[in-house]
Structures are given as C-alpha cells and as structure tokens.
Amino acid sequence: MKKPYVKNCGKHSGFDVWIVDGKYVRTFIEEEFTNFGQHFRFNFIPENEFWIDAEHGNHGEEKYYIHHLLVENRLMKAGKNYSQALESADVLERAERGKLEFVRNMLDGKDNKHVIEKIHKKLLKKYSSKTNVWVVRGDLVRDLFYVDFTEGGHDKVYSFIPKQEIWLDDDLSLQEMKFVLLHEIHERNLMAQGKSYDDAHDSSSEIEYKCRKNPALLDPAIQKEIKLVS
C-alpha cells in the first residue's frame, strides 16, 4: 500500500500538516474520511499530523480546516468524544467563515434563489432525470449553510438543497465524483422509500465501497439507481 501524502504544508502548532490523496484514503484505508482528519478521529493518522484532502475546487479552505483540527484534536485528547469535539470545532469554524465580507453581503437582503444560483456550478445533464445533479461550490455551501457539508448531499437530507436536486462538491476530483453520485442517488432513493438516514447512509456506503474496489460495477450501478429515482 502506497502512502497517501501529496504535499507537506509545514508545521502548525507542532503538527505536520499534509495534503493527502483523499480518493486513495477512501478507497484503501477508510471510506468515511472526508475533507480532513486527525489521529483521535482516525487512528491511522499519526498523532503529530493533520491530513487535509487535496482541494480540486481550489478555494483555499485549508486555514479553516487547520483551526478546526486544532480544536477537535485538543478536546478529544482531553477525553471528549468526537461529537462533542466536532460541535466545538464547528462553532469556531462558522465564526471564522462568517467574518468574510462577501459571505455577509450574499446573505444580506438576498433571497435564497439568488444564493443557490451562486452555488450551482454545473448541471450534469447525463445523470439528471427526475432529479437535477449539480456540481456546486462546496466552499460556499460551508460558508453559507452547513460547515460540515462534504462530498455531496441531496434534498432528502438538507433543507437548503432545492427539491429534486443532488449536489456534488466541486472539491472532488472528476474521477471520484461518480462514486459519490452513486452514494447520493442510492441514499436518496432509499429515503424516498421511507428508510431512515442512518440506514440509507450505511447501505450507500456499502455499495460505494464495493464499487471503489470494483470500478467496472460503477456505471451500471449508477444507471440502475437513476431508473429508480422518484
């Protein structure tokens, strides 16, 4: 197994900050790794390192992730569980993102439709049928709506996503988007049938991981799910 390191970003408060190949991590080490991580959340990460997934959207969010990880790591090391540490780190991250003038301007007196138009980046017509599949500005979603938005989402989970839409974070590589698309369509289909989010998510993670290990299964699985969309 190769090491997932892409680039060393130097030290921050005693931690080596590494940009890593998130697709490799999700495929061969831990499928639940998302935008970043530290040792007490993912024990395969060395104690003195922070890992940040390579940004394909190039929006410069690393600074937020580093500050988030410092809080998360400190609290978990002191005995807090992940949920408690995440909540505190999110408070800090939201406050830092909220300082941006353009974020305040976008929300000041603007209707939701105007904001969504800024977030929409590209409609994937090939995969859009009864639902529209959009590549979106993931950084704006995190700035404006939900700081923990990662990889993708849909209207059955997030109230800020318009009805009949699936969103894919533009921080994903084009190679990886289809795996996340499969996850989101499958999850949405199950929730439309009445399954809980937890059950639908677990099932979607299972099928996503199976296709990551066997990429030839991916396109047929996506087409099957598209036919089931309601």
C-alpha atoms as a PDB file:
ATOM      1  CA  MET A   1       0.000   0.000   0.000  1.00  0.00           C
ATOM      2  CA  LYS A   2       1.438   3.365  -1.007  1.00  0.00           C
ATOM      3  CA  LYS A   3       1.434   6.338   1.327  1.00  0.00           C
ATOM      4  CA  PRO A   4      -1.275   8.927   0.542  1.00  0.00           C
ATOM      5  CA  TYR A   5       0.891  12.035   1.050  1.00  0.00           C
ATOM      6  CA  VAL A   6       0.777  14.651  -1.716  1.00  0.00           C
ATOM      7  CA  LYS A   7       2.399  17.765  -0.218  1.00  0.00           C
ATOM      8  CA  ASN A   8       3.738  18.900   3.132  1.00  0.00           C
ATOM      9  CA  CYS A   9       2.365  22.310   4.144  1.00  0.00           C
ATOM     10  CA  GLY A  10       4.779  22.779   7.047  1.00  0.00           C
ATOM     11  CA  LYS A  11       4.140  22.804  10.772  1.00  0.00           C
ATOM     12  CA  HIS A  12       1.280  24.419  12.658  1.00  0.00           C
ATOM     13  CA  SER A  13       1.274  24.423  16.474  1.00  0.00           C
ATOM     14  CA  GLY A  14       3.559  21.384  16.483  1.00  0.00           C
ATOM     15  CA  PHE A  15       1.604  19.378  13.885  1.00  0.00           C
ATOM     16  CA  ASP A  16       2.861  18.431  10.434  1.00  0.00           C
ATOM     17  CA  VAL A  17       0.113  19.450   8.009  1.00  0.00           C
ATOM     18  CA  TRP A  18      -0.155  17.198   4.972  1.00  0.00           C
ATOM     19  CA  ILE A  19      -2.243  17.464   1.823  1.00  0.00           C
ATOM     20  CA  VAL A  20      -3.239  13.886   1.029  1.00  0.00           C
ATOM     21  CA  ASP A  21      -4.890  11.959  -1.776  1.00  0.00           C
ATOM     22  CA  GLY A  22      -8.358  11.625  -0.278  1.00  0.00           C
ATOM     23  CA  LYS A  23      -9.571   9.288  -3.002  1.00  0.00           C
ATOM     24  CA  TYR A  24      -6.793   6.850  -2.127  1.00  0.00           C
ATOM     25  CA  VAL A  25      -7.624   7.098   1.598  1.00  0.00           C
ATOM     26  CA  ARG A  26     -11.339   6.485   0.972  1.00  0.00           C
ATOM     27  CA  THR A  27     -10.653   3.570  -1.353  1.00  0.00           C
ATOM     28  CA  PHE A  28      -7.926   1.699   0.539  1.00  0.00           C
ATOM     29  CA  ILE A  29      -7.904   2.898   4.171  1.00  0.00           C
ATOM     30  CA  GLU A  30     -11.166   4.433   5.431  1.00  0.00           C
ATOM     31  CA  GLU A  31     -14.225   5.245   3.317  1.00  0.00           C
ATOM     32  CA  GLU A  32     -15.554   7.769   5.880  1.00  0.00           C
ATOM     33  CA  PHE A  33     -12.509  10.077   5.573  1.00  0.00           C
ATOM     34  CA  THR A  34     -13.766  13.368   4.113  1.00  0.00           C
ATOM     35  CA  ASN A  35     -12.149  16.822   3.921  1.00  0.00           C
ATOM     36  CA  PHE A  36      -9.680  16.431   6.763  1.00  0.00           C
ATOM     37  CA  GLY A  37      -8.771  14.379   9.816  1.00  0.00           C
ATOM     38  CA  GLN A  38      -6.591  13.937  12.875  1.00  0.00           C
ATOM     39  CA  HIS A  39      -5.390  10.982  14.954  1.00  0.00           C
ATOM     40  CA  PHE A  40      -8.144  10.841  17.567  1.00  0.00           C
ATOM     41  CA  ARG A  41     -10.798  10.696  14.850  1.00  0.00           C
ATOM     42  CA  PHE A  42      -8.853   8.355  12.517  1.00  0.00           C
ATOM     43  CA  ASN A  43      -6.206   6.326  14.314  1.00  0.00           C
ATOM     44  CA  PHE A  44      -4.310   5.575  11.088  1.00  0.00           C
ATOM     45  CA  ILE A  45      -3.238   9.240  11.031  1.00  0.00           C
ATOM     46  CA  PRO A  46      -0.040   9.714  13.106  1.00  0.00           C
ATOM     47  CA  GLU A  47      -0.545  11.674  16.334  1.00  0.00           C
ATOM     48  CA  ASN A  48       1.610  14.590  15.216  1.00  0.00           C
ATOM     49  CA  GLU A  49      -0.051  15.004  11.791  1.00  0.00           C
ATOM     50  CA  PHE A  50      -3.106  16.663  10.308  1.00  0.00           C
ATOM     51  CA  TRP A  51      -4.367  15.330   6.975  1.00  0.00           C
ATOM     52  CA  ILE A  52      -6.281  17.548   4.541  1.00  0.00           C
ATOM     53  CA  ASP A  53      -7.770  16.219   1.321  1.00  0.00           C
ATOM     54  CA  ALA A  54      -6.376  17.820  -1.836  1.00  0.00           C
ATOM     55  CA  GLU A  55      -8.728  20.603  -2.940  1.00  0.00           C
ATOM     56  CA  HIS A  56      -9.878  20.357  -6.531  1.00  0.00           C
ATOM     57  CA  GLY A  57     -12.096  23.411  -6.249  1.00  0.00           C
ATOM     58  CA  ASN A  58      -9.071  25.478  -5.187  1.00  0.00           C
ATOM     59  CA  HIS A  59     -10.978  27.712  -2.771  1.00  0.00           C
ATOM     60  CA  GLY A  60      -8.262  27.944  -0.111  1.00  0.00           C
ATOM     61  CA  GLU A  61     -10.154  26.398   2.795  1.00  0.00           C
ATOM     62  CA  GLU A  62      -7.093  24.785   4.409  1.00  0.00           C
ATOM     63  CA  LYS A  63      -6.826  27.559   7.004  1.00  0.00           C
ATOM     64  CA  TYR A  64     -10.315  26.770   8.307  1.00  0.00           C
ATOM     65  CA  TYR A  65      -9.578  23.058   8.439  1.00  0.00           C
ATOM     66  CA  ILE A  66      -6.345  23.534  10.389  1.00  0.00           C
ATOM     67  CA  HIS A  67      -8.039  25.662  13.058  1.00  0.00           C
ATOM     68  CA  HIS A  68     -10.912  23.166  13.205  1.00  0.00           C
ATOM     69  CA  LEU A  69      -8.484  20.261  13.653  1.00  0.00           C
ATOM     70  CA  LEU A  70      -6.607  22.029  16.448  1.00  0.00           C
ATOM     71  CA  VAL A  71      -9.812  22.310  18.498  1.00  0.00           C
ATOM     72  CA  GLU A  72     -11.018  18.811  17.635  1.00  0.00           C
ATOM     73  CA  ASN A  73      -7.654  17.230  18.475  1.00  0.00           C
ATOM     74  CA  ARG A  74      -7.227  19.094  21.744  1.00  0.00           C
ATOM     75  CA  LEU A  75     -10.683  18.213  23.026  1.00  0.00           C
ATOM     76  CA  MET A  76     -10.552  14.546  22.002  1.00  0.00           C
ATOM     77  CA  LYS A  77      -7.103  14.186  23.549  1.00  0.00           C
ATOM     78  CA  ALA A  78      -8.595  15.559  26.775  1.00  0.00           C
ATOM     79  CA  GLY A  79     -11.327  12.898  26.712  1.00  0.00           C
ATOM     80  CA  LYS A  80     -14.211  14.464  24.798  1.00  0.00           C
ATOM     81  CA  ASN A  81     -15.943  12.200  22.293  1.00  0.00           C
ATOM     82  CA  TYR A  82     -15.924  13.021  18.589  1.00  0.00           C
ATOM     83  CA  SER A  83     -19.429  14.540  18.548  1.00  0.00           C
ATOM     84  CA  GLN A  84     -18.592  16.908  21.406  1.00  0.00           C
ATOM     85  CA  ALA A  85     -15.288  17.929  19.844  1.00  0.00           C
ATOM     86  CA  LEU A  86     -16.870  18.387  16.422  1.00  0.00           C
ATOM     87  CA  GLU A  87     -19.566  20.669  17.812  1.00  0.00           C
ATOM     88  CA  SER A  88     -16.997  22.966  19.449  1.00  0.00           C
ATOM     89  CA  ALA A  89     -14.739  22.980  16.381  1.00  0.00           C
ATOM     90  CA  ASP A  90     -17.730  23.796  14.164  1.00  0.00           C
ATOM     91  CA  VAL A  91     -18.566  26.834  16.301  1.00  0.00           C
ATOM     92  CA  LEU A  92     -15.060  28.197  15.717  1.00  0.00           C
ATOM     93  CA  GLU A  93     -15.094  27.395  12.009  1.00  0.00           C
ATOM     94  CA  ARG A  94     -18.505  29.017  11.460  1.00  0.00           C
ATOM     95  CA  ALA A  95     -17.317  32.149  13.257  1.00  0.00           C
ATOM     96  CA  GLU A  96     -14.201  32.368  11.083  1.00  0.00           C
ATOM     97  CA  ARG A  97     -16.139  31.849   7.856  1.00  0.00           C
ATOM     98  CA  GLY A  98     -18.736  34.408   8.939  1.00  0.00           C
ATOM     99  CA  LYS A  99     -16.066  37.123   9.086  1.00  0.00           C
ATOM    100  CA  LEU A 100     -15.776  37.128   5.291  1.00  0.00           C
ATOM    101  CA  GLU A 101     -17.343  40.271   3.841  1.00  0.00           C
ATOM    102  CA  PHE A 102     -18.623  38.535   0.717  1.00  0.00           C
ATOM    103  CA  VAL A 103     -20.442  35.974   2.893  1.00  0.00           C
ATOM    104  CA  ARG A 104     -22.211  38.743   4.798  1.00  0.00           C
ATOM    105  CA  ASN A 105     -23.026  40.513   1.544  1.00  0.00           C
ATOM    106  CA  MET A 106     -24.501  37.390  -0.041  1.00  0.00           C
ATOM    107  CA  LEU A 107     -26.835  36.840   2.857  1.00  0.00           C
ATOM    108  CA  ASP A 108     -27.753  40.496   3.412  1.00  0.00           C
ATOM    109  CA  GLY A 109     -31.195  41.023   1.952  1.00  0.00           C
ATOM    110  CA  LYS A 110     -30.765  38.335  -0.704  1.00  0.00           C
ATOM    111  CA  ASP A 111     -33.402  35.717  -1.356  1.00  0.00           C
ATOM    112  CA  ASN A 112     -32.493  32.056  -1.295  1.00  0.00           C
ATOM    113  CA  LYS A 113     -32.827  31.701  -5.075  1.00  0.00           C
ATOM    114  CA  HIS A 114     -30.056  34.265  -5.622  1.00  0.00           C
ATOM    115  CA  VAL A 115     -27.733  32.373  -3.272  1.00  0.00           C
ATOM    116  CA  ILE A 116     -28.479  28.998  -4.898  1.00  0.00           C
ATOM    117  CA  GLU A 117     -27.628  30.462  -8.313  1.00  0.00           C
ATOM    118  CA  LYS A 118     -24.184  31.387  -6.980  1.00  0.00           C
ATOM    119  CA  ILE A 119     -23.697  27.911  -5.514  1.00  0.00           C
ATOM    120  CA  HIS A 120     -24.745  25.997  -8.654  1.00  0.00           C
ATOM    121  CA  LYS A 121     -21.700  25.465 -10.845  1.00  0.00           C
ATOM    122  CA  LYS A 122     -22.507  22.848 -13.490  1.00  0.00           C
ATOM    123  CA  LEU A 123     -25.572  20.735 -14.240  1.00  0.00           C
ATOM    124  CA  LEU A 124     -24.625  17.142 -15.069  1.00  0.00           C
ATOM    125  CA  LYS A 125     -27.290  16.542 -17.710  1.00  0.00           C
ATOM    126  CA  LYS A 126     -26.146  12.959 -18.309  1.00  0.00           C
ATOM    127  CA  TYR A 127     -27.227  11.975 -14.789  1.00  0.00           C
ATOM    128  CA  SER A 128     -30.202  14.308 -14.394  1.00  0.00           C
ATOM    129  CA  SER A 129     -33.651  12.856 -14.901  1.00  0.00           C
ATOM    130  CA  LYS A 130     -36.354  13.325 -12.288  1.00  0.00           C
ATOM    131  CA  THR A 131     -33.669  14.955 -10.155  1.00  0.00           C
ATOM    132  CA  ASN A 132     -31.076  17.514 -11.235  1.00  0.00           C
ATOM    133  CA  VAL A 133     -27.490  16.627 -10.386  1.00  0.00           C
ATOM    134  CA  TRP A 134     -25.374  19.738  -9.796  1.00  0.00           C
ATOM    135  CA  VAL A 135     -21.668  20.242  -9.212  1.00  0.00           C
ATOM    136  CA  VAL A 136     -21.677  23.016  -6.611  1.00  0.00           C
ATOM    137  CA  ARG A 137     -19.306  25.429  -4.921  1.00  0.00           C
ATOM    138  CA  GLY A 138     -18.683  23.372  -1.800  1.00  0.00           C
ATOM    139  CA  ASP A 139     -16.901  26.249  -0.103  1.00  0.00           C
ATOM    140  CA  LEU A 140     -19.996  28.459  -0.425  1.00  0.00           C
ATOM    141  CA  VAL A 141     -22.215  25.716   0.978  1.00  0.00           C
ATOM    142  CA  ARG A 142     -19.919  25.511   4.008  1.00  0.00           C
ATOM    143  CA  ASP A 143     -19.714  29.318   4.278  1.00  0.00           C
ATOM    144  CA  LEU A 144     -23.435  29.945   3.994  1.00  0.00           C
ATOM    145  CA  PHE A 145     -25.401  26.887   5.074  1.00  0.00           C
ATOM    146  CA  TYR A 146     -23.624  23.956   6.678  1.00  0.00           C
ATOM    147  CA  VAL A 147     -19.991  23.911   7.739  1.00  0.00           C
ATOM    148  CA  ASP A 148     -19.808  20.090   7.707  1.00  0.00           C
ATOM    149  CA  PHE A 149     -21.012  19.681   4.116  1.00  0.00           C
ATOM    150  CA  THR A 150     -18.643  17.216   2.437  1.00  0.00           C
ATOM    151  CA  GLU A 151     -18.570  15.367  -0.866  1.00  0.00           C
ATOM    152  CA  GLY A 152     -22.279  15.603  -1.635  1.00  0.00           C
ATOM    153  CA  GLY A 153     -25.868  15.747  -0.459  1.00  0.00           C
ATOM    154  CA  HIS A 154     -29.496  15.853  -1.557  1.00  0.00           C
ATOM    155  CA  ASP A 155     -32.860  17.361  -0.714  1.00  0.00           C
ATOM    156  CA  LYS A 156     -33.977  14.446   1.491  1.00  0.00           C
ATOM    157  CA  VAL A 157     -31.212  15.273   3.995  1.00  0.00           C
ATOM    158  CA  TYR A 158     -30.508  19.007   3.677  1.00  0.00           C
ATOM    159  CA  SER A 159     -33.357  21.527   3.757  1.00  0.00           C
ATOM    160  CA  PHE A 160     -31.246  24.154   1.968  1.00  0.00           C
ATOM    161  CA  ILE A 161     -30.945  21.958  -1.145  1.00  0.00           C
ATOM    162  CA  PRO A 162     -33.890  22.619  -3.501  1.00  0.00           C
ATOM    163  CA  LYS A 163     -36.404  19.836  -4.102  1.00  0.00           C
ATOM    164  CA  GLN A 164     -35.363  17.172  -6.620  1.00  0.00           C
ATOM    165  CA  GLU A 165     -31.686  18.124  -6.512  1.00  0.00           C
ATOM    166  CA  ILE A 166     -28.464  16.267  -5.726  1.00  0.00           C
ATOM    167  CA  TRP A 167     -25.310  18.298  -5.054  1.00  0.00           C
ATOM    168  CA  LEU A 168     -21.710  17.180  -5.620  1.00  0.00           C
ATOM    169  CA  ASP A 169     -18.893  19.170  -4.017  1.00  0.00           C
ATOM    170  CA  ASP A 170     -16.524  20.679  -6.590  1.00  0.00           C
ATOM    171  CA  ASP A 171     -13.647  19.806  -4.262  1.00  0.00           C
ATOM    172  CA  LEU A 172     -13.984  16.225  -5.510  1.00  0.00           C
ATOM    173  CA  SER A 173     -11.852  15.089  -8.423  1.00  0.00           C
ATOM    174  CA  LEU A 174     -13.779  14.229 -11.584  1.00  0.00           C
ATOM    175  CA  GLN A 175     -12.691  10.604 -11.065  1.00  0.00           C
ATOM    176  CA  GLU A 176     -14.276  10.456  -7.647  1.00  0.00           C
ATOM    177  CA  MET A 177     -17.492  12.349  -8.331  1.00  0.00           C
ATOM    178  CA  LYS A 178     -19.216   9.312  -9.805  1.00  0.00           C
ATOM    179  CA  PHE A 179     -18.632   7.229  -6.668  1.00  0.00           C
ATOM    180  CA  VAL A 180     -20.191   9.971  -4.553  1.00  0.00           C
ATOM    181  CA  LEU A 181     -23.007  10.371  -7.082  1.00  0.00           C
ATOM    182  CA  LEU A 182     -23.830   6.676  -6.695  1.00  0.00           C
ATOM    183  CA  HIS A 183     -23.848   7.082  -2.907  1.00  0.00           C
ATOM    184  CA  GLU A 184     -26.165  10.097  -3.014  1.00  0.00           C
ATOM    185  CA  ILE A 185     -28.641   8.671  -5.543  1.00  0.00           C
ATOM    186  CA  HIS A 186     -28.853   5.339  -3.708  1.00  0.00           C
ATOM    187  CA  GLU A 187     -29.281   7.088  -0.353  1.00  0.00           C
ATOM    188  CA  ARG A 188     -31.941   9.424  -1.721  1.00  0.00           C
ATOM    189  CA  ASN A 189     -33.854   6.544  -3.312  1.00  0.00           C
ATOM    190  CA  LEU A 190     -33.909   4.619  -0.034  1.00  0.00           C
ATOM    191  CA  MET A 191     -35.034   7.664   1.948  1.00  0.00           C
ATOM    192  CA  ALA A 192     -37.784   8.311  -0.606  1.00  0.00           C
ATOM    193  CA  GLN A 193     -38.982   4.780   0.181  1.00  0.00           C
ATOM    194  CA  GLY A 194     -39.141   5.611   3.899  1.00  0.00           C
ATOM    195  CA  LYS A 195     -35.758   4.384   5.127  1.00  0.00           C
ATOM    196  CA  SER A 196     -34.061   6.397   7.885  1.00  0.00           C
ATOM    197  CA  TYR A 197     -30.982   8.450   7.028  1.00  0.00           C
ATOM    198  CA  ASP A 198     -28.716   6.174   9.086  1.00  0.00           C
ATOM    199  CA  ASP A 199     -29.930   3.015   7.346  1.00  0.00           C
ATOM    200  CA  ALA A 200     -29.806   4.636   3.913  1.00  0.00           C
ATOM    201  CA  HIS A 201     -26.331   6.031   4.554  1.00  0.00           C
ATOM    202  CA  ASP A 202     -24.959   2.679   5.705  1.00  0.00           C
ATOM    203  CA  SER A 203     -26.358   0.948   2.628  1.00  0.00           C
ATOM    204  CA  SER A 204     -24.964   3.681   0.367  1.00  0.00           C
ATOM    205  CA  SER A 205     -21.518   3.476   1.942  1.00  0.00           C
ATOM    206  CA  GLU A 206     -21.527  -0.269   1.364  1.00  0.00           C
ATOM    207  CA  ILE A 207     -22.390  -0.021  -2.330  1.00  0.00           C
ATOM    208  CA  GLU A 208     -19.975   2.896  -2.819  1.00  0.00           C
ATOM    209  CA  TYR A 209     -17.103   0.971  -1.225  1.00  0.00           C
ATOM    210  CA  LYS A 210     -17.903  -2.113  -3.316  1.00  0.00           C
ATOM    211  CA  CYS A 211     -17.653  -0.043  -6.495  1.00  0.00           C
ATOM    212  CA  ARG A 212     -14.448   1.654  -5.366  1.00  0.00           C
ATOM    213  CA  LYS A 213     -12.939  -1.819  -5.106  1.00  0.00           C
ATOM    214  CA  ASN A 214     -14.546  -2.916  -8.410  1.00  0.00           C
ATOM    215  CA  PRO A 215     -14.808   0.182 -10.671  1.00  0.00           C
ATOM    216  CA  ALA A 216     -16.368  -1.809 -13.520  1.00  0.00           C
ATOM    217  CA  LEU A 217     -19.538  -2.028 -11.414  1.00  0.00           C
ATOM    218  CA  LEU A 218     -19.883   1.745 -11.072  1.00  0.00           C
ATOM    219  CA  ASP A 219     -21.604   2.880 -14.284  1.00  0.00           C
ATOM    220  CA  PRO A 220     -24.204   0.070 -14.303  1.00  0.00           C
ATOM    221  CA  ALA A 221     -24.967   0.759 -10.632  1.00  0.00           C
ATOM    222  CA  ILE A 222     -25.498   4.480 -11.323  1.00  0.00           C
ATOM    223  CA  GLN A 223     -27.811   3.769 -14.259  1.00  0.00           C
ATOM    224  CA  LYS A 224     -29.809   1.321 -12.142  1.00  0.00           C
ATOM    225  CA  GLU A 225     -30.286   3.952  -9.410  1.00  0.00           C
ATOM    226  CA  ILE A 226     -31.249   6.677 -11.901  1.00  0.00           C
ATOM    227  CA  LYS A 227     -34.131   4.485 -13.112  1.00  0.00           C
ATOM    228  CA  LEU A 228     -35.398   4.199  -9.521  1.00  0.00           C
ATOM    229  CA  VAL A 229     -35.451   7.960  -8.844  1.00  0.00           C
ATOM    230  CA  SER A 230     -38.830   9.354  -7.825  1.00  0.00           C
END
